[in-house]
Every structure is written in structure tokens, then in C-alpha cells.
Amino acid sequence: MKIAVLGAGAWGTALCLSLAARHEVTLWVRSANQLSEMSASRQNRRYLPDFALPGAIVLADSVSAAINRCDLILVAVPSAGLRNVFQEIAQIGNPTAVIWASKGFEAKTAKLPHQIADEELPAAIPCGVLSGPSFAQEVARNLPAAVTLASNNASFCRDMAAQLHSPRLRIYASDDVIGVEVAGAVKNVMAIAAGICDGMGLGHNARAALIARGLAEITRLGMKLGGKLETFIGLAGAGDLILTCTGDLSRNRQVGLGLAHGEPLAAILERLGHVAEGVSTAREVMRLADDIDVDMPLTRAVCQILHEAIPPKDALEELLRRDPKTESYS
């Protein structure tokens, strides 16, 4: 199968490395400087250093060149760039199947990726979302991982899951696009909270409680939007949440650690050099939760720390003062 991967960040590059052994892969590199450097070194030194790009991976300088005569377009850009990429795909004409691996709500609209796709891509093309517990560095190293592919088109989903599946990157099919997207977006907010928890030295008990109650928030929001319970206890839900809240490779967890240590947000993001989706997603999730009356106290606390300059210790005390409640996911 001929696959065009759009987005040469860490995740897009890792997907290329994983897929190139079995498929013809072309990687679109948006920055001319990055393309030149990657072409010369055959590495992505900025986002995924120390991994050689096999000669079979073709580098393209435009979306049109990348998707020419491909069987599948795999979009791996940050959520902020998703709409523009979808528009460019549509403008080129006769697009093939599209799968996105972006996680987040669109800024200012709080729309999920599939809603953006509905607005920008031709209705006739099959689409889906790929998400789950998968650090780019480990996928690039060919370590075992398992993720979920969700689509409203059942036959497309089964076919793509089978073709993309490998012993080291296992693909499970789902029909719950909303649940997979909500889980993939909100887990980044919870990872910031987990980083703050660890950075403040609150202990393993507190982190376990945070992950469990974070899953409750994700589930409440996701089910209110139409997601399915089984999604939130599966790979795209609990699996991705646990990884992102506990793994040292998690950028969003690193944001939380920096905040707990008193580091300014701008300095943290500059040091990371990568997009931490939870920073922008937190505000959109909170706005949406308020609009549809979903209780999300952890998300609110993260928003207060990120965007209202409330010290982490004050946000923590406010959470701990909450009245006890019956444990519930609804």
C-alpha cells in the first residue's frame, strides 16, 4: 500500500519508520529548512534524533507531491494545523482515504478532528482516527505497542486495521470515533495534572487517585458527547491515560512537572521544543464541559494553573476541600 504521512514531527516520523518495512511511504515535511536537513542527514534531528530514515522513505516538499497516487493519507500534524491540512487535501482534488493521528480539540471552536473533517473533506471519502498509548520514540525503536483505529465506516476500518497491523504495532478496530478522540485529547490535560502531582511530591497514592478520577472526567465528557463506555476502559482511554500520566517521555507530564517547580509556562514550552497538546486543549475542554454541564474539577484546576496564574498549591487545596461524593462516571 502507498501511504502519505503528512507531518514530520516525532509521531509522523515514527509512523513512517514503523510502516516503511511493509508499505511504500512518503513523508511530507512542511519546513523547507527541515526538509533540507533531513534529506542530507537522513534523520529527523529536531523531533526524533538518532533514528536513521531508510532510503525507502521518500521526503516530499508539498502535500500534493506526497499524496500523489497514494492509497492512504495519514495526517500526523498538531491539532492546531489539522483544518489547514484538510483544506489543502480537499483543494488538490480526488483525495483518497484519510486517517488522522492528531489529538486535541480545535482552539476557539472546541471541535473534535472528525467534526473538522466533516466540514473540510469530501463526504464520500472514508475517514478514521488512530489513537492509543504510543510514545513516538518507542514506536521508532520497533518496541511493541497497540493502538485503536476508529471509523464510522466499518468495512474501511476493518480493512485498514488489517493492512496497518503488524506484530510490533498492533491495530484494534473500533466504531467509536467520538470516544477515541475525546480520550486522546483529554488525557493530555490529565497528564499535566499528573506532572504537577509528581512535581509537588504528593506520592504514588495521590497519582493513582488522580489517574482514576481523571478517567472518570474523560468518561463523563465522552459519554455525554456520544462516546461508548468500553472505549474509555480500553487502549484509547485508560491505556493512553496511564502511559501519558506516568511515562517520562510524556511532554504534557513534563509541562506539569515544570509548573510544579515554579517554571513559567513559556519557558517550559520553549525547552520542550515540541507541541504539548494539553496546554491549548485544557481551555477548550473546560469551555465545552461548562456548556454541556459536565463536572470536571481536575480539568478546571489545570486551566486555573495554566491560564489564570493560580499557584499549584492553591489549586490542590481547592480540590482537597471538595465535599465527598459517591464514586461515579456519570
Protein backbone atom coordinates (compact mmCIF):
# COMPACT_ATOMS: atom_id res chain seq x y z
CA MET A 1 0.00 0.00 0.00
CA LYS A 2 1.20 3.53 -0.80
CA ILE A 3 0.89 5.75 2.27
CA ALA A 4 1.41 9.51 2.53
CA VAL A 5 2.26 10.68 6.05
CA LEU A 6 1.59 14.40 6.46
CA GLY A 7 3.61 15.92 9.29
CA ALA A 8 7.28 15.36 10.08
CA GLY A 9 7.12 15.75 13.83
CA ALA A 10 8.12 12.95 16.18
CA TRP A 11 4.90 10.97 15.74
CA GLY A 12 4.70 11.33 11.96
CA THR A 13 8.33 10.26 11.62
CA ALA A 14 7.85 7.31 13.97
CA LEU A 15 4.85 6.13 11.97
CA CYS A 16 6.94 6.28 8.80
CA LEU A 17 9.66 4.18 10.40
CA SER A 18 7.11 1.64 11.58
CA LEU A 19 5.22 1.40 8.29
CA ALA A 20 8.13 1.56 5.82
CA ALA A 21 9.03 -2.11 6.22
CA ARG A 22 5.69 -3.17 4.72
CA HIS A 23 4.44 -0.21 2.68
CA GLU A 24 5.63 2.49 0.30
CA VAL A 25 5.82 5.60 2.48
CA THR A 26 6.16 9.28 1.59
CA LEU A 27 6.64 11.86 4.35
CA TRP A 28 5.58 15.49 3.82
CA VAL A 29 7.94 17.94 5.55
CA ARG A 30 6.38 21.39 5.87
CA SER A 31 9.54 23.39 6.64
CA ALA A 32 11.98 23.84 3.75
CA ASN A 33 14.90 24.05 6.18
CA GLN A 34 13.87 20.88 7.95
CA LEU A 35 13.40 19.11 4.63
CA SER A 36 16.89 20.10 3.51
CA GLU A 37 18.44 18.92 6.77
CA MET A 38 16.52 15.64 6.76
CA SER A 39 17.42 14.97 3.14
CA ALA A 40 21.11 15.50 3.85
CA SER A 41 21.32 13.59 7.14
CA ARG A 42 18.51 11.06 6.60
CA GLN A 43 17.46 11.76 10.18
CA ASN A 44 14.87 13.96 11.87
CA ARG A 45 17.33 15.55 14.26
CA ARG A 46 14.87 18.16 15.51
CA TYR A 47 11.97 15.94 16.55
CA LEU A 48 13.22 12.34 16.59
CA PRO A 49 17.02 12.26 16.71
CA ASP A 50 19.20 9.16 16.49
CA PHE A 51 16.90 7.26 14.12
CA ALA A 52 18.06 6.77 10.54
CA LEU A 53 15.43 7.19 7.83
CA PRO A 54 15.58 4.22 5.46
CA GLY A 55 16.12 5.07 1.83
CA ALA A 56 12.66 3.69 1.05
CA ILE A 57 11.04 6.63 2.86
CA VAL A 58 10.52 9.41 0.29
CA LEU A 59 10.59 13.00 1.55
CA ALA A 60 8.18 15.45 -0.11
CA ASP A 61 8.13 19.25 -0.05
CA SER A 62 4.39 19.63 -0.70
CA VAL A 63 1.14 17.95 0.24
CA SER A 64 0.30 17.44 -3.43
CA ALA A 65 3.58 15.64 -4.09
CA ALA A 66 3.14 13.46 -1.02
CA ILE A 67 -0.41 12.31 -1.74
CA ASN A 68 0.04 11.77 -5.48
CA ARG A 69 -1.45 8.37 -6.32
CA CYS A 70 -1.37 7.19 -2.69
CA ASP A 71 -3.83 4.70 -1.22
CA LEU A 72 -3.99 6.28 2.22
CA ILE A 73 -3.32 9.72 3.69
CA LEU A 74 -2.18 9.56 7.32
CA VAL A 75 -2.29 13.02 8.93
CA ALA A 76 0.05 13.48 11.91
CA VAL A 77 0.12 17.25 12.41
CA PRO A 78 -0.70 19.06 15.68
CA SER A 79 -4.40 19.71 16.15
CA ALA A 80 -3.87 23.43 15.50
CA GLY A 81 -2.83 22.65 11.93
CA LEU A 82 -5.42 20.00 11.18
CA ARG A 83 -8.02 22.18 9.47
CA ASN A 84 -5.46 23.76 7.13
CA VAL A 85 -4.14 20.35 6.10
CA PHE A 86 -7.65 19.02 5.48
CA GLN A 87 -8.39 22.08 3.35
CA GLU A 88 -5.24 21.53 1.32
CA ILE A 89 -6.09 17.87 0.78
CA ALA A 90 -9.58 18.82 -0.42
CA GLN A 91 -8.29 21.55 -2.74
CA ILE A 92 -5.92 19.16 -4.50
CA GLY A 93 -8.92 17.09 -5.54
CA ASN A 94 -9.78 13.39 -5.68
CA PRO A 95 -8.41 12.64 -2.20
CA THR A 96 -8.16 9.03 -1.13
CA ALA A 97 -8.87 7.63 2.33
CA VAL A 98 -7.77 9.79 5.28
CA ILE A 99 -6.78 8.77 8.80
CA TRP A 100 -5.64 11.32 11.35
CA ALA A 101 -3.39 10.70 14.36
CA SER A 102 -3.88 14.17 15.88
CA LYS A 103 -5.15 14.53 19.45
CA GLY A 104 -6.95 17.62 20.69
CA PHE A 105 -9.87 20.00 20.42
CA GLU A 106 -9.62 22.85 17.93
CA ALA A 107 -8.85 26.20 19.59
CA LYS A 108 -11.82 28.59 19.86
CA THR A 109 -14.33 26.09 18.40
CA ALA A 110 -13.76 23.11 20.74
CA LYS A 111 -14.38 20.86 17.73
CA LEU A 112 -13.01 17.34 17.53
CA PRO A 113 -10.97 16.24 14.49
CA HIS A 114 -13.85 14.31 12.92
CA GLN A 115 -16.03 17.43 13.05
CA ILE A 116 -13.32 19.39 11.23
CA ALA A 117 -13.04 16.58 8.69
CA ASP A 118 -16.82 16.67 8.15
CA GLU A 119 -16.55 20.38 7.33
CA GLU A 120 -13.46 20.28 5.14
CA LEU A 121 -13.17 16.88 3.41
CA PRO A 122 -15.46 15.43 0.73
CA ALA A 123 -18.21 13.37 2.35
CA ALA A 124 -17.61 10.35 0.11
CA ILE A 125 -14.07 9.54 1.26
CA PRO A 126 -13.62 7.05 4.12
CA CYS A 127 -12.02 8.52 7.23
CA GLY A 128 -10.85 7.42 10.66
CA VAL A 129 -8.78 8.26 13.73
CA LEU A 130 -5.71 6.44 15.04
CA SER A 131 -5.02 6.81 18.77
CA GLY A 132 -3.73 4.94 21.79
CA PRO A 133 -0.74 4.50 24.11
CA SER A 134 2.21 5.04 21.80
CA PHE A 135 5.26 7.15 22.53
CA ALA A 136 6.95 8.06 19.26
CA GLN A 137 10.44 7.07 20.39
CA GLU A 138 9.34 3.56 21.34
CA VAL A 139 7.41 3.04 18.10
CA ALA A 140 10.51 4.22 16.21
CA ARG A 141 12.59 1.67 18.12
CA ASN A 142 10.16 -1.04 16.98
CA LEU A 143 9.10 -1.84 20.53
CA PRO A 144 5.63 -3.45 20.89
CA ALA A 145 2.63 -1.11 21.01
CA ALA A 146 -1.11 -1.40 20.50
CA VAL A 147 -3.43 1.37 19.30
CA THR A 148 -7.02 1.83 18.17
CA LEU A 149 -8.30 2.74 14.71
CA ALA A 150 -11.86 4.08 14.80
CA SER A 151 -14.14 4.88 11.89
CA ASN A 152 -17.84 5.20 11.17
CA ASN A 153 -17.18 3.10 8.05
CA ALA A 154 -16.96 -0.46 9.39
CA SER A 155 -15.54 -2.15 6.29
CA PHE A 156 -12.92 0.59 5.81
CA CYS A 157 -11.94 0.32 9.46
CA ARG A 158 -11.50 -3.45 9.34
CA ASP A 159 -9.53 -3.29 6.09
CA MET A 160 -7.20 -0.51 7.24
CA ALA A 161 -6.66 -2.11 10.65
CA ALA A 162 -5.64 -5.34 8.91
CA GLN A 163 -3.31 -3.62 6.47
CA LEU A 164 -1.62 -1.36 9.03
CA HIS A 165 -1.39 -4.05 11.71
CA SER A 166 1.96 -5.66 12.50
CA PRO A 167 3.31 -7.75 15.36
CA ARG A 168 5.07 -4.66 16.79
CA LEU A 169 2.30 -2.12 16.13
CA ARG A 170 -0.98 -3.87 16.76
CA ILE A 171 -4.12 -2.14 15.44
CA TYR A 172 -7.52 -2.74 17.01
CA ALA A 173 -10.67 -1.65 15.16
CA SER A 174 -13.48 0.40 16.73
CA ASP A 175 -16.61 2.20 15.60
CA ASP A 176 -16.42 4.82 18.39
CA VAL A 177 -14.79 7.83 16.72
CA ILE A 178 -16.07 10.28 19.33
CA GLY A 179 -14.88 8.23 22.29
CA VAL A 180 -11.43 7.64 20.83
CA GLU A 181 -10.98 11.34 20.02
CA VAL A 182 -12.22 12.59 23.39
CA ALA A 183 -10.00 10.15 25.27
CA GLY A 184 -6.96 11.06 23.17
CA ALA A 185 -7.48 14.77 23.73
CA VAL A 186 -8.38 14.95 27.42
CA LYS A 187 -5.71 12.50 28.60
CA ASN A 188 -3.16 15.21 27.78
CA VAL A 189 -4.84 17.55 30.26
CA MET A 190 -4.71 14.82 32.90
CA ALA A 191 -1.03 14.23 32.15
CA ILE A 192 -0.33 17.87 33.02
CA ALA A 193 -2.18 17.31 36.30
CA ALA A 194 -0.14 14.15 36.94
CA GLY A 195 3.08 16.02 36.30
CA ILE A 196 2.05 18.69 38.79
CA CYS A 197 1.19 15.96 41.30
CA ASP A 198 4.57 14.29 40.91
CA GLY A 199 6.43 17.60 40.85
CA MET A 200 4.85 18.56 44.18
CA GLY A 201 5.93 15.25 45.68
CA LEU A 202 2.41 14.14 46.54
CA GLY A 203 3.23 10.44 46.23
CA HIS A 204 2.06 7.36 44.37
CA ASN A 205 -1.29 7.18 46.19
CA ALA A 206 -2.20 10.66 45.02
CA ARG A 207 -1.13 9.95 41.45
CA ALA A 208 -3.19 6.74 41.33
CA ALA A 209 -6.22 8.61 42.62
CA LEU A 210 -5.67 11.38 40.08
CA ILE A 211 -5.49 8.91 37.18
CA ALA A 212 -8.66 7.15 38.33
CA ARG A 213 -10.60 10.38 38.80
CA GLY A 214 -9.14 11.73 35.57
CA LEU A 215 -10.56 8.70 33.78
CA ALA A 216 -13.91 9.49 35.37
CA GLU A 217 -13.80 13.02 33.95
CA ILE A 218 -12.83 11.78 30.49
CA THR A 219 -15.62 9.21 30.58
CA ARG A 220 -18.25 11.70 31.73
CA LEU A 221 -17.41 14.12 28.96
CA GLY A 222 -17.02 11.45 26.30
CA MET A 223 -20.28 9.70 27.05
CA LYS A 224 -22.14 13.00 27.16
CA LEU A 225 -20.83 13.67 23.65
CA GLY A 226 -21.84 10.21 22.41
CA GLY A 227 -18.83 8.01 23.17
CA LYS A 228 -19.06 4.44 24.45
CA LEU A 229 -18.03 3.26 27.92
CA GLU A 230 -15.89 0.40 26.60
CA THR A 231 -13.70 2.88 24.72
CA PHE A 232 -12.71 4.66 27.92
CA ILE A 233 -11.61 1.48 29.69
CA GLY A 234 -9.66 0.30 26.63
CA LEU A 235 -6.46 1.21 24.79
CA ALA A 236 -7.54 4.67 23.64
CA GLY A 237 -8.89 5.54 27.08
CA ALA A 238 -7.28 4.02 30.17
CA GLY A 239 -4.27 2.74 28.20
CA ASP A 240 -3.28 6.10 26.78
CA LEU A 241 -4.11 7.91 30.03
CA ILE A 242 -1.89 5.65 32.14
CA LEU A 243 1.01 5.96 29.70
CA THR A 244 0.82 9.73 29.40
CA CYS A 245 0.42 10.30 33.14
CA THR A 246 3.31 8.06 34.18
CA GLY A 247 5.81 7.92 31.32
CA ASP A 248 8.89 10.12 31.37
CA LEU A 249 8.59 10.63 27.58
CA SER A 250 5.25 12.41 28.04
CA ARG A 251 5.56 16.07 27.01
CA ASN A 252 2.38 17.02 28.84
CA ARG A 253 3.62 15.41 32.04
CA GLN A 254 6.84 17.40 31.62
CA VAL A 255 4.75 20.58 31.46
CA GLY A 256 3.15 19.68 34.78
CA LEU A 257 6.50 18.93 36.39
CA GLY A 258 7.82 22.31 35.30
CA LEU A 259 4.76 24.14 36.61
CA ALA A 260 5.06 22.40 39.98
CA HIS A 261 8.66 23.59 40.20
CA GLY A 262 7.64 27.20 39.54
CA GLU A 263 8.89 27.37 35.95
CA PRO A 264 6.98 29.81 33.69
CA LEU A 265 4.82 28.10 31.08
CA ALA A 266 6.51 29.88 28.17
CA ALA A 267 9.92 28.71 29.35
CA ILE A 268 8.69 25.12 29.70
CA LEU A 269 7.30 25.04 26.18
CA GLU A 270 10.46 26.59 24.73
CA ARG A 271 12.58 24.00 26.49
CA LEU A 272 10.44 21.13 25.23
CA GLY A 273 10.65 22.25 21.60
CA HIS A 274 7.57 20.14 20.83
CA VAL A 275 3.85 20.81 20.97
CA ALA A 276 2.22 19.85 24.29
CA GLU A 277 -1.41 19.50 23.18
CA GLY A 278 -2.83 19.58 26.70
CA VAL A 279 -1.98 23.26 27.16
CA SER A 280 -4.38 24.50 24.50
CA THR A 281 -6.82 21.61 24.88
CA ALA A 282 -7.47 22.29 28.59
CA ARG A 283 -9.22 25.58 27.93
CA GLU A 284 -11.38 24.16 25.14
CA VAL A 285 -12.34 21.12 27.21
CA MET A 286 -13.36 23.32 30.14
CA ARG A 287 -15.41 25.61 27.93
CA LEU A 288 -17.18 22.63 26.40
CA ALA A 289 -17.75 20.96 29.77
CA ASP A 290 -19.33 24.14 31.14
CA ASP A 291 -21.56 24.44 28.06
CA ILE A 292 -22.94 20.90 28.40
CA ASP A 293 -22.87 20.77 32.22
CA VAL A 294 -20.20 18.13 32.83
CA ASP A 295 -18.31 18.25 36.14
CA MET A 296 -14.54 18.27 35.52
CA PRO A 297 -12.73 19.54 38.63
CA LEU A 298 -9.27 18.29 37.65
CA THR A 299 -9.53 19.94 34.24
CA ARG A 300 -10.66 23.16 35.89
CA ALA A 301 -7.68 23.10 38.25
CA VAL A 302 -5.27 22.59 35.35
CA CYS A 303 -6.87 25.52 33.49
CA GLN A 304 -6.52 27.73 36.55
CA ILE A 305 -2.82 26.91 36.85
CA LEU A 306 -2.13 27.26 33.12
CA HIS A 307 -4.22 30.27 32.23
CA GLU A 308 -5.15 32.09 35.44
CA ALA A 309 -1.76 32.08 37.20
CA ILE A 310 -3.16 30.24 40.24
CA PRO A 311 -0.30 28.52 42.13
CA PRO A 312 -0.43 24.73 42.05
CA LYS A 313 -0.62 24.50 45.84
CA ASP A 314 -3.74 26.71 45.88
CA ALA A 315 -5.40 24.66 43.15
CA LEU A 316 -4.56 21.50 45.10
CA GLU A 317 -6.08 22.82 48.32
CA GLU A 318 -9.26 23.75 46.47
CA LEU A 319 -9.52 20.19 45.10
CA LEU A 320 -8.91 18.62 48.50
CA ARG A 321 -11.60 20.77 50.10
CA ARG A 322 -14.30 19.40 47.80
CA ASP A 323 -17.13 17.59 49.56
CA PRO A 324 -17.00 13.78 49.44
CA LYS A 325 -19.19 12.20 46.79
CA THR A 326 -20.36 8.79 45.58
CA GLU A 327 -17.86 7.41 43.07
CA SER A 328 -19.44 7.83 39.66
CA TYR A 329 -18.56 8.03 35.98
CA SER A 330 -21.77 9.80 35.04
